[in-house]
Amino acid sequence: MGNVNGGNHNEIYANLTFEAVSKVAEGVMQSFALGEFDKVEVVYNQFKNAAVQNVMVEQVLPIIPPTAAKDSKAANDYIFEPGKKN
């Protein structure tokens, strides 16, 4: 699908509540479910110090299952629903 900007929601900071944020999140999740987006990434600045901010990009949809270290005995015990479509 290419690079599609899902929008800019800077106005959300004027009323930063769960209800306001959940409206944006629901719209993004619905667009992803309808196939309008291949993936959803959040881009933000991570504060390091007054002179340096690192640009961070995190993929939130589709969910990428965590991978355990090869020498780790811990198992990933997650169930992602709904399952893959055949």
Protein backbone atom coordinates (compact mmCIF):
# COMPACT_ATOMS: atom_id res chain seq x y z
CA MET A 1 0.00 0.00 0.00
CA GLY A 2 2.93 2.31 0.34
CA ASN A 3 3.57 4.96 2.94
CA VAL A 4 0.29 6.42 4.14
CA ASN A 5 0.12 9.05 6.85
CA GLY A 6 -2.80 8.14 9.08
CA GLY A 7 -3.16 11.66 10.33
CA ASN A 8 -1.90 14.17 12.81
CA HIS A 9 -3.77 14.44 16.10
CA ASN A 10 -1.93 17.24 17.89
CA GLU A 11 -5.24 18.65 19.16
CA ILE A 12 -5.54 15.63 21.47
CA TYR A 13 -3.06 17.21 23.90
CA ALA A 14 -5.59 19.94 24.76
CA ASN A 15 -7.87 17.26 26.27
CA LEU A 16 -5.59 14.33 27.11
CA THR A 17 -8.10 11.87 28.53
CA PHE A 18 -8.69 8.17 27.99
CA GLU A 19 -11.93 8.94 26.13
CA ALA A 20 -10.21 11.33 23.69
CA VAL A 21 -7.29 8.98 23.03
CA SER A 22 -9.53 5.92 22.68
CA LYS A 23 -11.50 7.62 19.86
CA VAL A 24 -8.29 8.03 17.85
CA ALA A 25 -7.16 4.48 18.68
CA GLU A 26 -10.53 2.97 17.67
CA GLY A 27 -10.40 4.78 14.32
CA VAL A 28 -6.88 3.55 13.62
CA MET A 29 -7.70 -0.04 14.64
CA GLN A 30 -10.84 -0.02 12.47
CA SER A 31 -8.89 1.26 9.45
CA PHE A 32 -6.28 -1.47 9.99
CA ALA A 33 -8.98 -4.16 10.29
CA LEU A 34 -10.58 -2.95 7.04
CA GLY A 35 -7.26 -3.28 5.24
CA GLU A 36 -6.71 0.43 4.74
CA PHE A 37 -3.28 0.08 6.39
CA ASP A 38 -0.74 -2.77 6.23
CA LYS A 39 0.74 -1.77 9.56
CA VAL A 40 0.47 0.95 12.17
CA GLU A 41 3.56 2.65 13.57
CA VAL A 42 3.84 5.33 16.25
CA VAL A 43 6.61 7.89 15.72
CA TYR A 44 7.72 10.03 18.64
CA ASN A 45 10.72 11.82 20.14
CA GLN A 46 12.46 10.14 23.07
CA PHE A 47 13.98 12.72 25.39
CA LYS A 48 17.63 12.05 26.17
CA ASN A 49 18.76 15.49 27.36
CA ALA A 50 18.09 19.14 26.57
CA ALA A 51 20.19 18.96 23.39
CA VAL A 52 19.31 15.47 22.15
CA GLN A 53 16.04 13.78 21.33
CA ASN A 54 15.98 10.43 19.55
CA VAL A 55 13.30 9.77 16.94
CA MET A 56 11.64 6.47 17.84
CA VAL A 57 9.41 4.30 15.64
CA GLU A 58 7.35 1.49 17.17
CA GLN A 59 5.07 -0.87 15.26
CA VAL A 60 1.82 -1.46 17.14
CA LEU A 61 -0.22 -3.33 14.50
CA PRO A 62 0.00 -6.09 13.51
CA ILE A 63 1.28 -7.29 16.86
CA ILE A 64 4.71 -8.87 16.56
CA PRO A 65 5.08 -11.78 19.02
CA PRO A 66 8.14 -11.41 21.26
CA THR A 67 11.01 -13.81 20.68
CA ALA A 68 12.77 -15.49 23.57
CA ALA A 69 16.54 -15.53 23.69
CA LYS A 70 18.01 -18.79 22.38
CA ASP A 71 19.56 -19.65 25.74
CA SER A 72 16.49 -18.59 27.70
CA LYS A 73 14.31 -21.27 29.27
CA ALA A 74 11.36 -18.91 29.47
CA ALA A 75 8.56 -19.69 27.06
CA ASN A 76 6.33 -17.17 25.37
CA ASP A 77 2.87 -18.01 26.65
CA TYR A 78 0.67 -15.74 24.53
CA ILE A 79 -2.46 -16.42 22.53
CA PHE A 80 -3.24 -13.90 19.80
CA GLU A 81 -6.87 -13.84 18.73
CA PRO A 82 -8.38 -13.92 16.23
CA GLY A 83 -6.05 -16.41 14.59
CA LYS A 84 -4.66 -16.13 11.06
CA LYS A 85 -7.23 -16.29 8.27
CA ASN A 86 -6.85 -19.17 5.84
